[in-house]
Amino acid sequence: MRENSLHRKALQCLEATVGIESNRETLLPDLPCKREVKSLLTDFKDVIEIPYSPRLDGYVRVEDTAEKPSCVREGDRVRFQGPLKKLTQEASDLRFSLWGNQGFLYRFILYLLEKKHRIYNFHACGLYDDRKDELFVIIGGAGSGKTVYLLSGLAKGLKLFSTETVHFRMDESGVTWYMGSLIDNIRWGTLIHDFPRFLPNEKPPKKGEEWQKKIAVDLCAYKASTEELKNPKSVIILFPRIEEGRKGFHLYPLIDTRKVPKALFDNVSQKLTETVVLYDRLPILGFEEKVMAEARLESVTRLAHHNCVNRIATILSNPLDCWGDLLK
């Protein structure tokens, strides 16, 4: 592939910068990102196009060829080859693609944020009480109850700090939290039956399909007034399990100092280090390095013991009672 045949773009998410080049312009990511279920805007607050340069944090080269799909990584440079245009057209779920919100670039950005900038990333939603200077970090994977906490918290007057990824950095001056994504993928059924006040002005799916389909909901109108929180007065970290039919609100503080850092470490590591399959057929190994893992454990341990973290707990509840007395 001749150098002058390359098409190039570069982007920035938070502090991470990525250069992308391809022999097919149509294989480059669309910028600015659209509000849709597969968009990186459901992972990060902003995806900003910047000038391509030789001084970026990482680089991705995408070559559309007739060869078997492959991925080769050398440090902070990654090369994809194969019939990528065809794979894109035939994929069952474009969230798991090069540029999808569960795909390669999402995880590469998490890696660059951590390795280059020591910014760590919880799979969590964040809600902020500006009167108390109190941040709630609701940690968990799919089905744990993050969306219930997110929408019910906004309905109760909390401000949005992130829908999906909560970023933080530890340094000698303490902990800084960075605003994350402001768009959330929500099942139509959740909006129609439980939170109609957040329904967008769009045509819903056919009756019977509302629990199978999601929509990217823009919640920017509820965002917090500040995009960075430096040593807030109070941080409450919750690991919820929300189930229909469960009675009451049960909060169990995590007080074993051996278990708390591990719980935080496991969550921060999950999306970064897991293997993902792109286009239904191309496995991509997770990003992990020994030095990174050691630094990550040190950072979450410091966070767990920081004086602004007032409570770390697991919660068992139903959707209606999920906040218990936490907001009193």
C-alpha atoms as a PDB file:
ATOM      1  CA  MET A   1       0.000   0.000   0.000  1.00  0.00           C
ATOM      2  CA  ARG A   2       1.585   3.260  -1.119  1.00  0.00           C
ATOM      3  CA  GLU A   3       1.908   5.997   1.486  1.00  0.00           C
ATOM      4  CA  ASN A   4       0.128   8.540  -0.713  1.00  0.00           C
ATOM      5  CA  SER A   5      -2.906   6.241  -0.927  1.00  0.00           C
ATOM      6  CA  LEU A   6      -3.658   6.596   2.781  1.00  0.00           C
ATOM      7  CA  HIS A   7      -6.611   8.473   4.220  1.00  0.00           C
ATOM      8  CA  ARG A   8      -6.133   9.830   7.721  1.00  0.00           C
ATOM      9  CA  LYS A   9      -8.079  11.106  10.700  1.00  0.00           C
ATOM     10  CA  ALA A  10      -7.225  11.745  14.325  1.00  0.00           C
ATOM     11  CA  LEU A  11      -9.385  12.081  17.395  1.00  0.00           C
ATOM     12  CA  GLN A  12      -9.246  12.869  21.092  1.00  0.00           C
ATOM     13  CA  CYS A  13     -11.261  11.454  24.015  1.00  0.00           C
ATOM     14  CA  LEU A  14     -10.549  13.157  27.315  1.00  0.00           C
ATOM     15  CA  GLU A  15      -6.722  13.303  27.187  1.00  0.00           C
ATOM     16  CA  ALA A  16      -6.094  10.304  24.888  1.00  0.00           C
ATOM     17  CA  THR A  17      -5.247  10.991  21.214  1.00  0.00           C
ATOM     18  CA  VAL A  18      -5.422   8.456  18.375  1.00  0.00           C
ATOM     19  CA  GLY A  19      -4.348   8.633  14.741  1.00  0.00           C
ATOM     20  CA  ILE A  20      -6.155   6.419  12.228  1.00  0.00           C
ATOM     21  CA  GLU A  21      -5.188   5.693   8.625  1.00  0.00           C
ATOM     22  CA  SER A  22      -6.701   3.462   5.959  1.00  0.00           C
ATOM     23  CA  ASN A  23      -6.519   2.647   2.272  1.00  0.00           C
ATOM     24  CA  ARG A  24     -10.315   3.144   2.156  1.00  0.00           C
ATOM     25  CA  GLU A  25     -11.735   6.460   3.297  1.00  0.00           C
ATOM     26  CA  THR A  26     -15.071   4.804   4.034  1.00  0.00           C
ATOM     27  CA  LEU A  27     -13.395   2.647   6.695  1.00  0.00           C
ATOM     28  CA  LEU A  28     -12.379   5.660   8.780  1.00  0.00           C
ATOM     29  CA  PRO A  29     -14.678   6.531  11.699  1.00  0.00           C
ATOM     30  CA  ASP A  30     -17.394   9.098  11.038  1.00  0.00           C
ATOM     31  CA  LEU A  31     -16.695  12.335  12.896  1.00  0.00           C
ATOM     32  CA  PRO A  32     -18.474  13.990  14.548  1.00  0.00           C
ATOM     33  CA  CYS A  33     -20.094  10.893  16.015  1.00  0.00           C
ATOM     34  CA  LYS A  34     -23.835  10.436  15.607  1.00  0.00           C
ATOM     35  CA  ARG A  35     -26.206   9.818  18.490  1.00  0.00           C
ATOM     36  CA  GLU A  36     -26.892   6.122  17.991  1.00  0.00           C
ATOM     37  CA  VAL A  37     -26.625   2.902  19.967  1.00  0.00           C
ATOM     38  CA  LYS A  38     -23.211   1.956  18.521  1.00  0.00           C
ATOM     39  CA  SER A  39     -21.686   5.412  19.047  1.00  0.00           C
ATOM     40  CA  LEU A  40     -18.597   6.091  21.155  1.00  0.00           C
ATOM     41  CA  LEU A  41     -20.590   8.963  22.651  1.00  0.00           C
ATOM     42  CA  THR A  42     -22.258   6.318  24.826  1.00  0.00           C
ATOM     43  CA  ASP A  43     -18.768   5.644  26.279  1.00  0.00           C
ATOM     44  CA  PHE A  44     -17.164   9.097  26.394  1.00  0.00           C
ATOM     45  CA  LYS A  45     -18.394  12.661  26.787  1.00  0.00           C
ATOM     46  CA  ASP A  46     -16.702  13.914  23.626  1.00  0.00           C
ATOM     47  CA  VAL A  47     -14.998  12.435  20.580  1.00  0.00           C
ATOM     48  CA  ILE A  48     -13.199  15.402  19.060  1.00  0.00           C
ATOM     49  CA  GLU A  49     -11.531  15.424  15.640  1.00  0.00           C
ATOM     50  CA  ILE A  50      -7.986  16.829  15.833  1.00  0.00           C
ATOM     51  CA  PRO A  51      -5.147  17.250  13.327  1.00  0.00           C
ATOM     52  CA  TYR A  52      -3.215  14.097  12.473  1.00  0.00           C
ATOM     53  CA  SER A  53       0.383  14.313  13.675  1.00  0.00           C
ATOM     54  CA  PRO A  54       3.355  12.083  14.574  1.00  0.00           C
ATOM     55  CA  ARG A  55       2.997  12.957  18.278  1.00  0.00           C
ATOM     56  CA  LEU A  56      -0.250  11.214  19.193  1.00  0.00           C
ATOM     57  CA  ASP A  57      -0.682   8.615  21.928  1.00  0.00           C
ATOM     58  CA  GLY A  58      -1.544   5.722  19.634  1.00  0.00           C
ATOM     59  CA  TYR A  59      -2.066   4.788  16.001  1.00  0.00           C
ATOM     60  CA  VAL A  60      -4.364   2.418  14.112  1.00  0.00           C
ATOM     61  CA  ARG A  61      -3.800   1.319  10.522  1.00  0.00           C
ATOM     62  CA  VAL A  62      -6.699  -0.298   8.669  1.00  0.00           C
ATOM     63  CA  GLU A  63      -6.005  -2.088   5.372  1.00  0.00           C
ATOM     64  CA  ASP A  64      -8.901  -3.450   3.360  1.00  0.00           C
ATOM     65  CA  THR A  65      -7.471  -6.543   1.642  1.00  0.00           C
ATOM     66  CA  ALA A  66      -8.547  -9.979   0.447  1.00  0.00           C
ATOM     67  CA  GLU A  67      -6.515 -11.660   3.174  1.00  0.00           C
ATOM     68  CA  LYS A  68      -7.839 -13.447   6.239  1.00  0.00           C
ATOM     69  CA  PRO A  69      -8.772 -10.885   8.926  1.00  0.00           C
ATOM     70  CA  SER A  70      -5.899 -10.202  11.298  1.00  0.00           C
ATOM     71  CA  CYS A  71      -4.759  -7.790  13.973  1.00  0.00           C
ATOM     72  CA  VAL A  72      -1.129  -7.120  14.882  1.00  0.00           C
ATOM     73  CA  ARG A  73      -0.213  -4.898  17.798  1.00  0.00           C
ATOM     74  CA  GLU A  74       3.242  -3.468  18.401  1.00  0.00           C
ATOM     75  CA  GLY A  75       3.169  -1.295  21.480  1.00  0.00           C
ATOM     76  CA  ASP A  76       0.861   1.638  20.842  1.00  0.00           C
ATOM     77  CA  ARG A  77       0.513   0.881  17.123  1.00  0.00           C
ATOM     78  CA  VAL A  78      -2.107  -1.535  15.803  1.00  0.00           C
ATOM     79  CA  ARG A  79      -2.604  -2.848  12.279  1.00  0.00           C
ATOM     80  CA  PHE A  80      -5.765  -4.487  10.936  1.00  0.00           C
ATOM     81  CA  GLN A  81      -5.892  -6.324   7.604  1.00  0.00           C
ATOM     82  CA  GLY A  82      -8.619  -8.224   5.827  1.00  0.00           C
ATOM     83  CA  PRO A  83     -11.915  -7.739   3.961  1.00  0.00           C
ATOM     84  CA  LEU A  84     -13.016  -5.109   6.465  1.00  0.00           C
ATOM     85  CA  LYS A  85     -15.551  -3.411   4.224  1.00  0.00           C
ATOM     86  CA  LYS A  86     -17.289  -6.752   3.662  1.00  0.00           C
ATOM     87  CA  LEU A  87     -17.108  -7.633   7.364  1.00  0.00           C
ATOM     88  CA  THR A  88     -18.714  -4.308   8.243  1.00  0.00           C
ATOM     89  CA  GLN A  89     -21.575  -4.916   5.824  1.00  0.00           C
ATOM     90  CA  GLU A  90     -22.211  -8.448   7.134  1.00  0.00           C
ATOM     91  CA  ALA A  91     -21.694  -7.920  10.896  1.00  0.00           C
ATOM     92  CA  SER A  92     -24.543  -8.932  13.179  1.00  0.00           C
ATOM     93  CA  ASP A  93     -23.814  -6.139  15.676  1.00  0.00           C
ATOM     94  CA  LEU A  94     -21.727  -3.082  14.781  1.00  0.00           C
ATOM     95  CA  ARG A  95     -21.225  -2.254  18.438  1.00  0.00           C
ATOM     96  CA  PHE A  96     -18.537  -4.940  18.205  1.00  0.00           C
ATOM     97  CA  SER A  97     -16.595  -3.436  15.319  1.00  0.00           C
ATOM     98  CA  LEU A  98     -13.492  -1.279  14.943  1.00  0.00           C
ATOM     99  CA  TRP A  99     -15.295   1.926  15.895  1.00  0.00           C
ATOM    100  CA  GLY A 100     -18.335   0.619  17.796  1.00  0.00           C
ATOM    101  CA  ASN A 101     -19.003   1.440  21.423  1.00  0.00           C
ATOM    102  CA  GLN A 102     -18.106  -2.106  22.529  1.00  0.00           C
ATOM    103  CA  GLY A 103     -15.371  -2.603  19.957  1.00  0.00           C
ATOM    104  CA  PHE A 104     -11.683  -2.012  19.406  1.00  0.00           C
ATOM    105  CA  LEU A 105     -11.304   1.775  19.537  1.00  0.00           C
ATOM    106  CA  TYR A 106     -13.293   2.014  22.784  1.00  0.00           C
ATOM    107  CA  ARG A 107     -10.888  -0.378  24.501  1.00  0.00           C
ATOM    108  CA  PHE A 108      -7.808   1.154  22.858  1.00  0.00           C
ATOM    109  CA  ILE A 109      -8.795   4.557  24.264  1.00  0.00           C
ATOM    110  CA  LEU A 110      -9.227   3.042  27.742  1.00  0.00           C
ATOM    111  CA  TYR A 111      -5.723   1.614  27.370  1.00  0.00           C
ATOM    112  CA  LEU A 112      -4.205   4.926  26.250  1.00  0.00           C
ATOM    113  CA  LEU A 113      -5.965   6.878  29.009  1.00  0.00           C
ATOM    114  CA  GLU A 114      -4.535   4.510  31.585  1.00  0.00           C
ATOM    115  CA  LYS A 115      -1.059   3.952  30.178  1.00  0.00           C
ATOM    116  CA  LYS A 116      -0.263   7.449  28.954  1.00  0.00           C
ATOM    117  CA  HIS A 117      -2.260   9.594  31.377  1.00  0.00           C
ATOM    118  CA  ARG A 118      -2.934   7.445  34.468  1.00  0.00           C
ATOM    119  CA  ILE A 119      -6.663   8.048  34.036  1.00  0.00           C
ATOM    120  CA  TYR A 120      -8.632   5.009  35.206  1.00  0.00           C
ATOM    121  CA  ASN A 121     -12.090   4.079  34.031  1.00  0.00           C
ATOM    122  CA  PHE A 122     -14.904   2.494  35.999  1.00  0.00           C
ATOM    123  CA  HIS A 123     -17.699   0.705  34.146  1.00  0.00           C
ATOM    124  CA  ALA A 124     -20.219   2.762  36.067  1.00  0.00           C
ATOM    125  CA  CYS A 125     -22.619   5.663  36.016  1.00  0.00           C
ATOM    126  CA  GLY A 126     -21.958   8.819  37.999  1.00  0.00           C
ATOM    127  CA  LEU A 127     -24.487  11.139  39.653  1.00  0.00           C
ATOM    128  CA  TYR A 128     -23.662  14.355  41.489  1.00  0.00           C
ATOM    129  CA  ASP A 129     -25.390  16.262  44.280  1.00  0.00           C
ATOM    130  CA  ASP A 130     -24.084  19.793  43.815  1.00  0.00           C
ATOM    131  CA  ARG A 131     -25.592  21.027  47.101  1.00  0.00           C
ATOM    132  CA  LYS A 132     -23.585  18.510  49.140  1.00  0.00           C
ATOM    133  CA  ASP A 133     -20.627  18.227  46.738  1.00  0.00           C
ATOM    134  CA  GLU A 134     -21.315  14.484  46.764  1.00  0.00           C
ATOM    135  CA  LEU A 135     -20.573  12.063  43.936  1.00  0.00           C
ATOM    136  CA  PHE A 136     -22.330   8.701  43.600  1.00  0.00           C
ATOM    137  CA  VAL A 137     -20.452   6.097  41.542  1.00  0.00           C
ATOM    138  CA  ILE A 138     -22.764   3.191  40.664  1.00  0.00           C
ATOM    139  CA  ILE A 139     -20.575   0.290  39.553  1.00  0.00           C
ATOM    140  CA  GLY A 140     -21.671  -2.787  37.639  1.00  0.00           C
ATOM    141  CA  GLY A 141     -22.106  -4.592  34.371  1.00  0.00           C
ATOM    142  CA  ALA A 142     -25.177  -5.172  32.231  1.00  0.00           C
ATOM    143  CA  GLY A 143     -28.255  -6.048  34.278  1.00  0.00           C
ATOM    144  CA  SER A 144     -26.881  -4.820  37.609  1.00  0.00           C
ATOM    145  CA  GLY A 145     -29.229  -1.846  37.847  1.00  0.00           C
ATOM    146  CA  LYS A 146     -27.133   1.112  36.688  1.00  0.00           C
ATOM    147  CA  THR A 147     -29.888   2.438  34.417  1.00  0.00           C
ATOM    148  CA  VAL A 148     -32.454   2.320  37.237  1.00  0.00           C
ATOM    149  CA  TYR A 149     -30.098   4.290  39.483  1.00  0.00           C
ATOM    150  CA  LEU A 150     -29.280   6.706  36.688  1.00  0.00           C
ATOM    151  CA  LEU A 151     -32.839   7.608  35.695  1.00  0.00           C
ATOM    152  CA  SER A 152     -34.343   7.512  39.189  1.00  0.00           C
ATOM    153  CA  GLY A 153     -31.442   9.613  40.486  1.00  0.00           C
ATOM    154  CA  LEU A 154     -32.037  12.239  37.808  1.00  0.00           C
ATOM    155  CA  ALA A 155     -35.761  12.185  38.628  1.00  0.00           C
ATOM    156  CA  LYS A 156     -34.858  12.889  42.261  1.00  0.00           C
ATOM    157  CA  GLY A 157     -32.799  15.940  41.314  1.00  0.00           C
ATOM    158  CA  LEU A 158     -29.267  14.597  41.073  1.00  0.00           C
ATOM    159  CA  LYS A 159     -27.088  15.809  38.210  1.00  0.00           C
ATOM    160  CA  LEU A 160     -25.538  13.601  35.557  1.00  0.00           C
ATOM    161  CA  PHE A 161     -21.779  13.075  35.706  1.00  0.00           C
ATOM    162  CA  SER A 162     -21.596  10.009  33.457  1.00  0.00           C
ATOM    163  CA  THR A 163     -23.909   7.383  32.009  1.00  0.00           C
ATOM    164  CA  GLU A 164     -21.438   4.559  31.397  1.00  0.00           C
ATOM    165  CA  THR A 165     -17.775   5.344  32.145  1.00  0.00           C
ATOM    166  CA  VAL A 166     -16.573   7.199  35.242  1.00  0.00           C
ATOM    167  CA  HIS A 167     -12.983   8.448  34.921  1.00  0.00           C
ATOM    168  CA  PHE A 168     -10.612   9.301  37.767  1.00  0.00           C
ATOM    169  CA  ARG A 169      -6.946  10.054  38.368  1.00  0.00           C
ATOM    170  CA  MET A 170      -4.944   9.853  41.588  1.00  0.00           C
ATOM    171  CA  ASP A 171      -1.950  12.116  42.140  1.00  0.00           C
ATOM    172  CA  GLU A 172      -0.105  13.785  45.000  1.00  0.00           C
ATOM    173  CA  SER A 173      -2.918  16.332  45.416  1.00  0.00           C
ATOM    174  CA  GLY A 174      -5.666  13.710  45.710  1.00  0.00           C
ATOM    175  CA  VAL A 175      -8.336  12.416  43.328  1.00  0.00           C
ATOM    176  CA  THR A 176      -9.802  14.125  40.276  1.00  0.00           C
ATOM    177  CA  TRP A 177     -13.008  12.852  38.658  1.00  0.00           C
ATOM    178  CA  TYR A 178     -13.752  13.638  34.994  1.00  0.00           C
ATOM    179  CA  MET A 179     -17.168  13.898  33.385  1.00  0.00           C
ATOM    180  CA  GLY A 180     -17.981  10.924  31.190  1.00  0.00           C
ATOM    181  CA  SER A 181     -20.640  10.028  28.646  1.00  0.00           C
ATOM    182  CA  LEU A 182     -23.912  11.949  28.592  1.00  0.00           C
ATOM    183  CA  ILE A 183     -25.769   9.607  26.234  1.00  0.00           C
ATOM    184  CA  ASP A 184     -27.099   6.262  27.430  1.00  0.00           C
ATOM    185  CA  ASN A 185     -28.395   3.206  25.602  1.00  0.00           C
ATOM    186  CA  ILE A 186     -31.703   2.389  27.286  1.00  0.00           C
ATOM    187  CA  ARG A 187     -34.288  -0.264  26.516  1.00  0.00           C
ATOM    188  CA  TRP A 188     -37.498   1.189  25.143  1.00  0.00           C
ATOM    189  CA  GLY A 189     -39.435  -0.867  27.671  1.00  0.00           C
ATOM    190  CA  THR A 190     -37.611   0.775  30.587  1.00  0.00           C
ATOM    191  CA  LEU A 191     -38.561   4.202  29.259  1.00  0.00           C
ATOM    192  CA  ILE A 192     -42.149   3.358  28.333  1.00  0.00           C
ATOM    193  CA  HIS A 193     -43.113   1.476  31.496  1.00  0.00           C
ATOM    194  CA  ASP A 194     -40.846   2.889  34.224  1.00  0.00           C
ATOM    195  CA  PHE A 195     -39.455   6.295  33.205  1.00  0.00           C
ATOM    196  CA  PRO A 196     -41.784   7.910  30.636  1.00  0.00           C
ATOM    197  CA  ARG A 197     -40.524  11.406  31.529  1.00  0.00           C
ATOM    198  CA  PHE A 198     -37.270  10.561  29.702  1.00  0.00           C
ATOM    199  CA  LEU A 199     -38.942   9.285  26.521  1.00  0.00           C
ATOM    200  CA  PRO A 200     -37.424  10.956  23.443  1.00  0.00           C
ATOM    201  CA  ASN A 201     -39.574  12.428  20.719  1.00  0.00           C
ATOM    202  CA  GLU A 202     -39.092   9.415  18.460  1.00  0.00           C
ATOM    203  CA  LYS A 203     -41.355   6.650  17.244  1.00  0.00           C
ATOM    204  CA  PRO A 204     -41.215   3.663  19.631  1.00  0.00           C
ATOM    205  CA  PRO A 205     -40.867   0.085  18.356  1.00  0.00           C
ATOM    206  CA  LYS A 206     -43.843  -2.161  17.765  1.00  0.00           C
ATOM    207  CA  LYS A 207     -45.630  -3.513  20.814  1.00  0.00           C
ATOM    208  CA  GLY A 208     -43.836  -6.617  22.016  1.00  0.00           C
ATOM    209  CA  GLU A 209     -40.435  -5.409  20.809  1.00  0.00           C
ATOM    210  CA  GLU A 210     -39.835  -2.714  23.436  1.00  0.00           C
ATOM    211  CA  TRP A 211     -37.689  -4.986  25.632  1.00  0.00           C
ATOM    212  CA  GLN A 212     -35.519  -6.162  22.737  1.00  0.00           C
ATOM    213  CA  LYS A 213     -34.574  -2.762  21.341  1.00  0.00           C
ATOM    214  CA  LYS A 214     -32.502   0.052  22.810  1.00  0.00           C
ATOM    215  CA  ILE A 215     -32.286   3.723  21.961  1.00  0.00           C
ATOM    216  CA  ALA A 216     -29.453   6.196  22.558  1.00  0.00           C
ATOM    217  CA  VAL A 217     -30.975   8.824  24.850  1.00  0.00           C
ATOM    218  CA  ASP A 218     -29.341  12.240  25.128  1.00  0.00           C
ATOM    219  CA  LEU A 219     -29.305  13.281  28.802  1.00  0.00           C
ATOM    220  CA  CYS A 220     -27.144  16.394  28.403  1.00  0.00           C
ATOM    221  CA  ALA A 221     -29.950  18.554  29.816  1.00  0.00           C
ATOM    222  CA  TYR A 222     -29.332  16.942  33.214  1.00  0.00           C
ATOM    223  CA  LYS A 223     -25.540  17.207  33.308  1.00  0.00           C
ATOM    224  CA  ALA A 224     -23.613  18.612  36.246  1.00  0.00           C
ATOM    225  CA  SER A 225     -22.366  22.187  35.992  1.00  0.00           C
ATOM    226  CA  THR A 226     -18.724  21.133  36.393  1.00  0.00           C
ATOM    227  CA  GLU A 227     -16.795  18.665  34.240  1.00  0.00           C
ATOM    228  CA  GLU A 228     -14.076  18.011  36.828  1.00  0.00           C
ATOM    229  CA  LEU A 229     -14.412  17.284  40.527  1.00  0.00           C
ATOM    230  CA  LYS A 230     -11.259  17.691  42.588  1.00  0.00           C
ATOM    231  CA  ASN A 231     -11.441  15.988  45.989  1.00  0.00           C
ATOM    232  CA  PRO A 232     -15.221  16.318  46.418  1.00  0.00           C
ATOM    233  CA  LYS A 233     -16.448  16.372  49.988  1.00  0.00           C
ATOM    234  CA  SER A 234     -18.087  12.984  49.655  1.00  0.00           C
ATOM    235  CA  VAL A 235     -17.897  10.003  47.306  1.00  0.00           C
ATOM    236  CA  ILE A 236     -20.220   7.029  47.690  1.00  0.00           C
ATOM    237  CA  ILE A 237     -19.370   3.927  45.649  1.00  0.00           C
ATOM    238  CA  LEU A 238     -22.149   1.380  45.217  1.00  0.00           C
ATOM    239  CA  PHE A 239     -22.265  -2.123  43.765  1.00  0.00           C
ATOM    240  CA  PRO A 240     -26.003  -2.689  43.173  1.00  0.00           C
ATOM    241  CA  ARG A 241     -28.104  -5.709  42.403  1.00  0.00           C
ATOM    242  CA  ILE A 242     -31.580  -4.481  41.481  1.00  0.00           C
ATOM    243  CA  GLU A 243     -34.305  -7.077  40.990  1.00  0.00           C
ATOM    244  CA  GLU A 244     -38.043  -6.799  40.383  1.00  0.00           C
ATOM    245  CA  GLY A 245     -39.986  -8.350  43.233  1.00  0.00           C
ATOM    246  CA  ARG A 246     -37.228  -8.073  45.834  1.00  0.00           C
ATOM    247  CA  LYS A 247     -38.520  -6.539  49.068  1.00  0.00           C
ATOM    248  CA  GLY A 248     -36.946  -3.534  50.718  1.00  0.00           C
ATOM    249  CA  PHE A 249     -33.559  -1.866  50.535  1.00  0.00           C
ATOM    250  CA  HIS A 250     -30.540  -3.721  51.892  1.00  0.00           C
ATOM    251  CA  LEU A 251     -27.150  -2.017  52.128  1.00  0.00           C
ATOM    252  CA  TYR A 252     -24.044  -3.989  53.089  1.00  0.00           C
ATOM    253  CA  PRO A 253     -20.912  -1.887  53.676  1.00  0.00           C
ATOM    254  CA  LEU A 254     -17.669  -3.343  52.306  1.00  0.00           C
ATOM    255  CA  ILE A 255     -15.470  -2.983  55.355  1.00  0.00           C
ATOM    256  CA  ASP A 256     -12.846  -5.669  54.701  1.00  0.00           C
ATOM    257  CA  THR A 257      -9.849  -3.635  53.548  1.00  0.00           C
ATOM    258  CA  ARG A 258      -8.552  -6.643  51.606  1.00  0.00           C
ATOM    259  CA  LYS A 259     -11.685  -6.994  49.488  1.00  0.00           C
ATOM    260  CA  VAL A 260     -12.439  -3.387  48.559  1.00  0.00           C
ATOM    261  CA  PRO A 261      -9.389  -2.728  46.327  1.00  0.00           C
ATOM    262  CA  LYS A 262      -9.973  -6.038  44.547  1.00  0.00           C
ATOM    263  CA  ALA A 263     -13.606  -5.169  43.811  1.00  0.00           C
ATOM    264  CA  LEU A 264     -12.568  -1.795  42.373  1.00  0.00           C
ATOM    265  CA  PHE A 265      -9.638  -3.329  40.478  1.00  0.00           C
ATOM    266  CA  ASP A 266     -11.831  -5.995  38.890  1.00  0.00           C
ATOM    267  CA  ASN A 267     -14.280  -3.403  37.568  1.00  0.00           C
ATOM    268  CA  VAL A 268     -11.640  -1.008  36.220  1.00  0.00           C
ATOM    269  CA  SER A 269      -9.870  -3.931  34.525  1.00  0.00           C
ATOM    270  CA  GLN A 270     -12.878  -5.638  32.970  1.00  0.00           C
ATOM    271  CA  LYS A 271     -13.453  -3.778  29.698  1.00  0.00           C
ATOM    272  CA  LEU A 272      -9.754  -3.026  29.306  1.00  0.00           C
ATOM    273  CA  THR A 273      -8.421  -6.564  29.571  1.00  0.00           C
ATOM    274  CA  GLU A 274     -11.174  -8.854  28.258  1.00  0.00           C
ATOM    275  CA  THR A 275     -10.932 -10.465  24.837  1.00  0.00           C
ATOM    276  CA  VAL A 276     -13.571  -9.220  22.392  1.00  0.00           C
ATOM    277  CA  VAL A 277     -14.741 -10.665  19.067  1.00  0.00           C
ATOM    278  CA  LEU A 278     -15.121  -8.113  16.266  1.00  0.00           C
ATOM    279  CA  TYR A 279     -17.389  -8.669  13.270  1.00  0.00           C
ATOM    280  CA  ASP A 280     -18.411 -12.095  14.684  1.00  0.00           C
ATOM    281  CA  ARG A 281     -15.078 -13.650  13.696  1.00  0.00           C
ATOM    282  CA  LEU A 282     -11.973 -11.658  14.685  1.00  0.00           C
ATOM    283  CA  PRO A 283     -10.858 -12.146  18.329  1.00  0.00           C
ATOM    284  CA  ILE A 284      -8.916  -9.225  19.792  1.00  0.00           C
ATOM    285  CA  LEU A 285      -6.946  -9.830  22.965  1.00  0.00           C
ATOM    286  CA  GLY A 286      -7.375  -7.427  25.832  1.00  0.00           C
ATOM    287  CA  PHE A 287      -4.877  -4.755  26.777  1.00  0.00           C
ATOM    288  CA  GLU A 288      -2.819  -5.665  29.817  1.00  0.00           C
ATOM    289  CA  GLU A 289       0.742  -5.101  30.952  1.00  0.00           C
ATOM    290  CA  LYS A 290       2.318  -6.024  34.283  1.00  0.00           C
ATOM    291  CA  VAL A 291       3.401  -2.476  35.073  1.00  0.00           C
ATOM    292  CA  MET A 292      -0.066  -1.147  34.245  1.00  0.00           C
ATOM    293  CA  ALA A 293      -1.774  -3.737  36.436  1.00  0.00           C
ATOM    294  CA  GLU A 294       0.472  -2.895  39.386  1.00  0.00           C
ATOM    295  CA  ALA A 295      -0.120   0.846  38.979  1.00  0.00           C
ATOM    296  CA  ARG A 296      -3.880   0.259  38.614  1.00  0.00           C
ATOM    297  CA  LEU A 297      -4.041  -1.726  41.843  1.00  0.00           C
ATOM    298  CA  GLU A 298      -2.058   0.958  43.642  1.00  0.00           C
ATOM    299  CA  SER A 299      -4.408   3.690  42.382  1.00  0.00           C
ATOM    300  CA  VAL A 300      -7.661   1.925  43.312  1.00  0.00           C
ATOM    301  CA  THR A 301      -6.188   1.080  46.720  1.00  0.00           C
ATOM    302  CA  ARG A 302      -5.371   4.736  47.312  1.00  0.00           C
ATOM    303  CA  LEU A 303      -8.854   5.669  46.146  1.00  0.00           C
ATOM    304  CA  ALA A 304     -10.471   3.162  48.516  1.00  0.00           C
ATOM    305  CA  HIS A 305      -8.665   4.790  51.447  1.00  0.00           C
ATOM    306  CA  HIS A 306      -9.015   8.415  50.359  1.00  0.00           C
ATOM    307  CA  ASN A 307     -10.728  10.577  52.969  1.00  0.00           C
ATOM    308  CA  CYS A 308     -13.384  11.780  50.481  1.00  0.00           C
ATOM    309  CA  VAL A 309     -14.701   8.228  49.993  1.00  0.00           C
ATOM    310  CA  ASN A 310     -17.345   7.999  52.710  1.00  0.00           C
ATOM    311  CA  ARG A 311     -18.951   4.710  51.811  1.00  0.00           C
ATOM    312  CA  ILE A 312     -18.378   1.652  49.643  1.00  0.00           C
ATOM    313  CA  ALA A 313     -21.225  -0.836  49.740  1.00  0.00           C
ATOM    314  CA  THR A 314     -23.235  -3.468  47.925  1.00  0.00           C
ATOM    315  CA  ILE A 315     -26.988  -2.962  47.623  1.00  0.00           C
ATOM    316  CA  LEU A 316     -29.828  -5.408  47.113  1.00  0.00           C
ATOM    317  CA  SER A 317     -33.134  -3.780  46.276  1.00  0.00           C
ATOM    318  CA  ASN A 318     -36.032  -3.423  43.887  1.00  0.00           C
ATOM    319  CA  PRO A 319     -36.196  -0.519  41.390  1.00  0.00           C
ATOM    320  CA  LEU A 320     -38.620   1.577  43.435  1.00  0.00           C
ATOM    321  CA  ASP A 321     -36.588   1.445  46.656  1.00  0.00           C
ATOM    322  CA  CYS A 322     -33.094   1.467  45.139  1.00  0.00           C
ATOM    323  CA  TRP A 323     -31.991   4.734  46.788  1.00  0.00           C
ATOM    324  CA  GLY A 324     -33.212   3.817  50.248  1.00  0.00           C
ATOM    325  CA  ASP A 325     -32.175   6.619  52.611  1.00  0.00           C
ATOM    326  CA  LEU A 326     -29.008   7.518  50.697  1.00  0.00           C
ATOM    327  CA  LEU A 327     -30.301  10.926  49.623  1.00  0.00           C
ATOM    328  CA  LYS A 328     -31.545  12.087  53.036  1.00  0.00           C
END
